Amino acid sequence: MTTEVRYRRVLLKVSGEALMGSQGFGIDVAVADRIAADIAEARSLGVEISIVIGGGNIFRGVAVASKGGDRVTGDHMGMLGTVINALALRTSLIKMGVETIVLSAIAMPEICESFSQRTALAHQAAGRVVIFAGGTGNPFFTTDSAGALRAAEMGATALFKATQVDGIYSADPKRDPDAVRYDRLTHDAVLQKGLAVMDVAAVALARENHIPIVVFSIHEKGEFAKILSGGGRATIVTD
């Protein structure tokens, strides 16, 4: 089915923490299945979807550095966490009947294919959902930066950032009841105000490539498809 949608080709950035559900660690399969169902619903609108997934539910590289360890090693450990999450989400999508491929920025051919832009575009053209694992493949870069980078490489017309809240606020609304919610912002405003929705490198890369960032809640069932169809609740960051 193909309907009128806001964006025809998108990259979805999902945090590793989103897969934890109410657990303190790891992957809640029921939550992974629910997120996969939302992706399948959005795909049924005729939207081409690729995904970058984080690894914070398993390991954060900065945790090693904060305790005096080597940041590079820590980041490599975090990258491996994203591969685990990518495989889990792929499993959930396959259960939904959605053909999905995992491409890793770090070569591990026994587990998944290696990333190249050419390979990713070919899989997307064949109608598959493409999940990018391993971040950018480089230490010192977040998976937010990987999301903006892959969005640019895939020619995405929007970067969807799935978060814990329904948009961008002036402060954490869970801690500050006076936090102001924004419906629309520019990339420059996000950077100037120091809004912590994505890291500076990710926002700057999206700005340079004129890619809108759509920030919405991962916890609202069906919200991804609603926003694509012109409804829903989100903050849109544009030029």
Foldseek 3Di string as FASTA:
>chain_A
DADQWPWQEEEEEEEQVQQQVPHQADGDLVSLLLLLVLVVLQVVNNHQYEYEYWQVRHAALVVQVVVPHDSQVSLQVRLVSQLVVLVSSCVSNVVVVAAEFEAECDDDPVRGHHDDLVVVLVCSVVPHHYYYGRQNVGTPDGNLQSQLVVCLSNVTQAYEYADQAAEFWLDPCVVDVPIHGAQEEELVVCVVSVGVSDDNNNSVSCQVSFHKYWYGHSPDRNQVNQVRHPHHTTHIYGD
